[in-house]
Amino acid sequence: MGAPLPLDYREHRYLLTGVLRCGRPVAGGGVCNVPLRTKKTKDGKRHIYFCPGQDVGGCGGVARRGDLVDFAISELVLGQMELAQYTDVDDAPLWTREEELTDVEEQLEELTRQWRARNISNNLYFRNAADLESDIARLRAEKNKIMGRAERQRASMVTDIKEIRRRWYLPEAEGGLPLSRKRAHVREMLHAVIVHPAGKGRATFNPDLLEPVWME
């Protein structure tokens, strides 16, 4: 019948133990909601997520191929992580003094035009130009610092999620993410996944029958 889930969900043999719950409707409304267990197929090549029988608290009405469920939910989680990454990129530090810099640069240009037209003295020009040039240099340095930091932050975020996706499906021996880390990413994104019945017989796998319950 498959091993029952431990109460603390520290089952690390499969990606979604402790996350998947039975979505078969029950009398009186609602769904079964029992955590799915796992078992191997007869040939030992695949695992199956299934709801246990009534004698152990389930309904026995839901079962899915584990590899297909793992892939479908992995893609949902990676997609949400990518979406969150681009949202975070939008929150990168912004420089908000562009208008002030433009104003000071225009003041210096106007002062220079007046000096070249001999409308102001050398003494007045160089005294005021030095202050304006100092302000421009300070504002430009601040702009470069903040925008450089923002660009590095964006690049880091993009690199991180690309690296996570690249390593997600690799075997650990080839540099793939450990199962514990993948489970941690899943747990950060999802409260649970409700697995709804697929009907009688050998129905084609339908990822739409997997209902993610996202963290808010």
Protein backbone atom coordinates (compact mmCIF):
# COMPACT_ATOMS: atom_id res chain seq x y z
CA MET A 1 0.00 0.00 0.00
CA GLY A 2 3.00 2.30 0.20
CA ALA A 3 4.69 3.87 3.15
CA PRO A 4 2.61 6.41 5.10
CA LEU A 5 3.94 9.93 5.31
CA PRO A 6 5.64 10.86 8.57
CA LEU A 7 3.98 13.68 10.45
CA ASP A 8 6.89 16.07 9.90
CA TYR A 9 7.06 15.27 6.16
CA ARG A 10 10.77 14.42 6.29
CA GLU A 11 10.42 11.90 3.47
CA HIS A 12 13.14 12.69 0.99
CA ARG A 13 12.80 9.86 -1.52
CA TYR A 14 10.30 11.75 -3.70
CA LEU A 15 9.81 15.38 -4.62
CA LEU A 16 6.19 15.88 -3.61
CA THR A 17 5.52 13.71 -0.58
CA GLY A 18 3.78 15.87 1.99
CA VAL A 19 2.64 18.28 -0.73
CA LEU A 20 0.12 16.28 -2.74
CA ARG A 21 -3.39 15.82 -1.33
CA CYS A 22 -6.35 13.84 -2.57
CA GLY A 23 -8.99 15.92 -4.34
CA ARG A 24 -11.69 13.29 -4.71
CA PRO A 25 -15.10 14.70 -3.66
CA VAL A 26 -16.61 13.22 -0.51
CA ALA A 27 -20.13 13.00 0.81
CA GLY A 28 -21.32 16.21 2.41
CA GLY A 29 -19.12 18.40 0.21
CA GLY A 30 -15.42 19.09 0.16
CA VAL A 31 -12.68 16.71 -0.88
CA CYS A 32 -10.86 13.82 0.73
CA ASN A 33 -7.73 15.95 1.37
CA VAL A 34 -5.65 13.04 2.69
CA PRO A 35 -1.90 13.31 1.90
CA LEU A 36 -0.94 10.98 -0.93
CA ARG A 37 1.42 8.10 -0.30
CA THR A 38 3.96 6.58 -2.66
CA LYS A 39 4.74 3.15 -4.03
CA LYS A 40 6.83 1.71 -6.83
CA THR A 41 5.36 0.23 -9.98
CA LYS A 42 5.68 -3.54 -10.28
CA ASP A 43 8.76 -3.23 -12.50
CA GLY A 44 10.35 -0.83 -9.99
CA LYS A 45 11.05 1.79 -12.67
CA ARG A 46 8.57 4.45 -11.56
CA HIS A 47 6.80 5.69 -8.48
CA ILE A 48 3.11 6.36 -8.07
CA TYR A 49 1.40 8.87 -5.81
CA PHE A 50 -1.89 7.50 -4.49
CA CYS A 51 -4.54 8.03 -1.86
CA PRO A 52 -4.56 5.19 0.70
CA GLY A 53 -7.64 3.04 1.29
CA GLN A 54 -10.47 3.73 3.67
CA ASP A 55 -9.04 1.33 6.25
CA VAL A 56 -6.13 3.77 6.82
CA GLY A 57 -8.01 7.05 6.55
CA GLY A 58 -8.06 7.73 2.81
CA CYS A 59 -10.54 7.05 0.05
CA GLY A 60 -8.38 5.07 -2.38
CA GLY A 61 -9.82 7.06 -5.27
CA VAL A 62 -6.81 8.90 -6.70
CA ALA A 63 -3.50 7.74 -8.17
CA ARG A 64 -1.02 9.32 -10.59
CA ARG A 65 2.29 8.50 -12.23
CA GLY A 66 4.88 10.14 -10.04
CA ASP A 67 7.32 11.18 -12.76
CA LEU A 68 4.60 13.05 -14.67
CA VAL A 69 3.33 14.79 -11.55
CA ASP A 70 6.86 15.72 -10.48
CA PHE A 71 7.59 17.26 -13.89
CA ALA A 72 4.31 19.18 -14.08
CA ILE A 73 4.69 20.66 -10.60
CA SER A 74 8.40 21.35 -11.14
CA GLU A 75 7.52 23.42 -14.20
CA LEU A 76 4.85 25.33 -12.26
CA VAL A 77 7.27 26.06 -9.42
CA LEU A 78 10.11 27.08 -11.74
CA GLY A 79 7.71 29.30 -13.69
CA GLN A 80 6.59 31.04 -10.50
CA MET A 81 10.20 31.47 -9.40
CA GLU A 82 11.01 33.07 -12.76
CA LEU A 83 8.00 35.36 -12.45
CA ALA A 84 9.03 36.34 -8.93
CA GLN A 85 12.56 36.98 -10.18
CA TYR A 86 11.37 39.52 -12.74
CA THR A 87 9.13 41.14 -10.13
CA ASP A 88 12.15 41.43 -7.83
CA VAL A 89 14.18 42.91 -10.69
CA ASP A 90 11.58 45.67 -10.95
CA ASP A 91 12.25 46.37 -7.27
CA ALA A 92 15.97 46.89 -7.85
CA PRO A 93 17.29 50.21 -6.48
CA LEU A 94 16.40 53.22 -8.60
CA TRP A 95 18.14 56.57 -8.93
CA THR A 96 15.59 59.34 -8.52
CA ARG A 97 17.68 62.49 -8.98
CA GLU A 98 17.91 62.58 -12.79
CA GLU A 99 15.92 65.80 -12.97
CA GLU A 100 18.24 67.45 -10.48
CA LEU A 101 21.32 66.41 -12.46
CA THR A 102 19.80 67.69 -15.71
CA ASP A 103 19.01 71.02 -14.06
CA VAL A 104 22.57 71.50 -12.80
CA GLU A 105 24.04 70.51 -16.18
CA GLU A 106 21.79 73.08 -17.89
CA GLN A 107 22.88 75.74 -15.39
CA LEU A 108 26.51 75.09 -16.25
CA GLU A 109 25.78 75.19 -19.99
CA GLU A 110 23.96 78.51 -19.64
CA LEU A 111 26.73 79.94 -17.47
CA THR A 112 29.27 78.89 -20.09
CA ARG A 113 27.25 80.49 -22.90
CA GLN A 114 27.06 83.74 -20.94
CA TRP A 115 30.79 83.68 -20.29
CA ARG A 116 31.65 82.99 -23.95
CA ALA A 117 29.38 85.86 -24.95
CA ARG A 118 31.38 88.03 -22.51
CA ASN A 119 28.26 88.81 -20.51
CA ILE A 120 29.91 87.78 -17.22
CA SER A 121 33.44 88.17 -15.87
CA ASN A 122 36.04 85.45 -15.63
CA ASN A 123 35.95 85.70 -11.87
CA LEU A 124 32.17 85.15 -11.69
CA TYR A 125 32.23 82.36 -14.24
CA PHE A 126 35.01 80.26 -12.74
CA ARG A 127 33.75 80.69 -9.19
CA ASN A 128 30.25 79.47 -10.08
CA ALA A 129 31.40 76.89 -12.64
CA ALA A 130 33.54 75.15 -10.03
CA ASP A 131 30.53 74.70 -7.71
CA LEU A 132 28.31 73.44 -10.53
CA GLU A 133 30.98 71.03 -11.80
CA SER A 134 31.40 69.69 -8.27
CA ASP A 135 27.65 69.10 -7.98
CA ILE A 136 27.56 67.39 -11.38
CA ALA A 137 30.47 65.10 -10.50
CA ARG A 138 28.84 64.15 -7.19
CA LEU A 139 25.44 63.42 -8.76
CA ARG A 140 26.96 61.42 -11.62
CA ALA A 141 29.01 59.33 -9.19
CA GLU A 142 25.90 58.64 -7.12
CA LYS A 143 23.97 57.70 -10.27
CA ASN A 144 26.68 55.33 -11.49
CA LYS A 145 26.93 53.67 -8.09
CA ILE A 146 23.19 53.06 -7.70
CA MET A 147 22.58 52.02 -11.30
CA GLY A 148 25.61 49.75 -11.24
CA ARG A 149 24.32 48.07 -8.10
CA ALA A 150 20.88 47.66 -9.69
CA GLU A 151 22.37 46.11 -12.80
CA ARG A 152 24.46 43.68 -10.76
CA GLN A 153 21.36 42.75 -8.75
CA ARG A 154 19.37 42.11 -11.93
CA ALA A 155 22.15 40.03 -13.43
CA SER A 156 22.48 38.01 -10.23
CA MET A 157 18.75 37.28 -10.10
CA VAL A 158 18.65 36.17 -13.73
CA THR A 159 21.72 33.98 -13.27
CA ASP A 160 20.33 32.38 -10.10
CA ILE A 161 17.04 31.20 -11.60
CA LYS A 162 18.70 30.07 -14.85
CA GLU A 163 21.15 28.03 -12.81
CA ILE A 164 18.38 26.54 -10.68
CA ARG A 165 16.44 25.53 -13.79
CA ARG A 166 19.56 24.12 -15.45
CA ARG A 167 20.36 21.94 -12.44
CA TRP A 168 16.77 20.96 -11.55
CA TYR A 169 16.54 17.96 -13.88
CA LEU A 170 20.17 16.85 -13.73
CA PRO A 171 21.16 13.83 -11.61
CA GLU A 172 22.93 14.88 -8.42
CA ALA A 173 26.03 13.00 -9.60
CA GLU A 174 26.16 15.39 -12.58
CA GLY A 175 25.75 18.56 -10.55
CA GLY A 176 21.99 18.46 -10.19
CA LEU A 177 20.21 20.05 -7.25
CA PRO A 178 19.86 17.77 -4.22
CA LEU A 179 16.33 16.54 -3.69
CA SER A 180 16.25 18.30 -0.32
CA ARG A 181 16.91 21.65 -1.99
CA LYS A 182 14.28 21.09 -4.67
CA ARG A 183 11.78 20.15 -1.97
CA ALA A 184 12.70 23.34 -0.11
CA HIS A 185 11.96 25.42 -3.23
CA VAL A 186 8.62 23.62 -3.64
CA ARG A 187 7.73 24.23 0.00
CA GLU A 188 8.61 27.92 -0.32
CA MET A 189 6.13 28.28 -3.19
CA LEU A 190 3.29 25.88 -2.36
CA HIS A 191 1.04 25.07 0.57
CA ALA A 192 -0.17 21.96 -1.23
CA VAL A 193 -1.26 20.50 -4.57
CA ILE A 194 -4.76 19.04 -4.79
CA VAL A 195 -4.84 16.01 -7.10
CA HIS A 196 -8.30 15.67 -8.62
CA PRO A 197 -9.70 12.36 -9.94
CA ALA A 198 -8.99 11.54 -13.58
CA GLY A 199 -12.01 9.31 -14.09
CA LYS A 200 -12.20 5.56 -14.57
CA GLY A 201 -9.78 3.59 -16.66
CA ARG A 202 -6.36 4.58 -17.97
CA ALA A 203 -6.99 8.24 -18.71
CA THR A 204 -4.31 10.35 -20.40
CA PHE A 205 -2.34 12.35 -17.85
CA ASN A 206 -3.89 15.79 -17.49
CA PRO A 207 -1.83 18.39 -15.58
CA ASP A 208 -4.95 20.57 -15.28
CA LEU A 209 -6.20 18.11 -12.66
CA LEU A 210 -3.34 19.20 -10.41
CA GLU A 211 -4.53 22.24 -8.44
CA PRO A 212 -1.65 24.20 -6.85
CA VAL A 213 -2.33 26.08 -3.62
CA TRP A 214 0.26 28.85 -3.72
CA MET A 215 1.83 30.64 -0.81
CA GLU A 216 0.66 34.25 -0.62
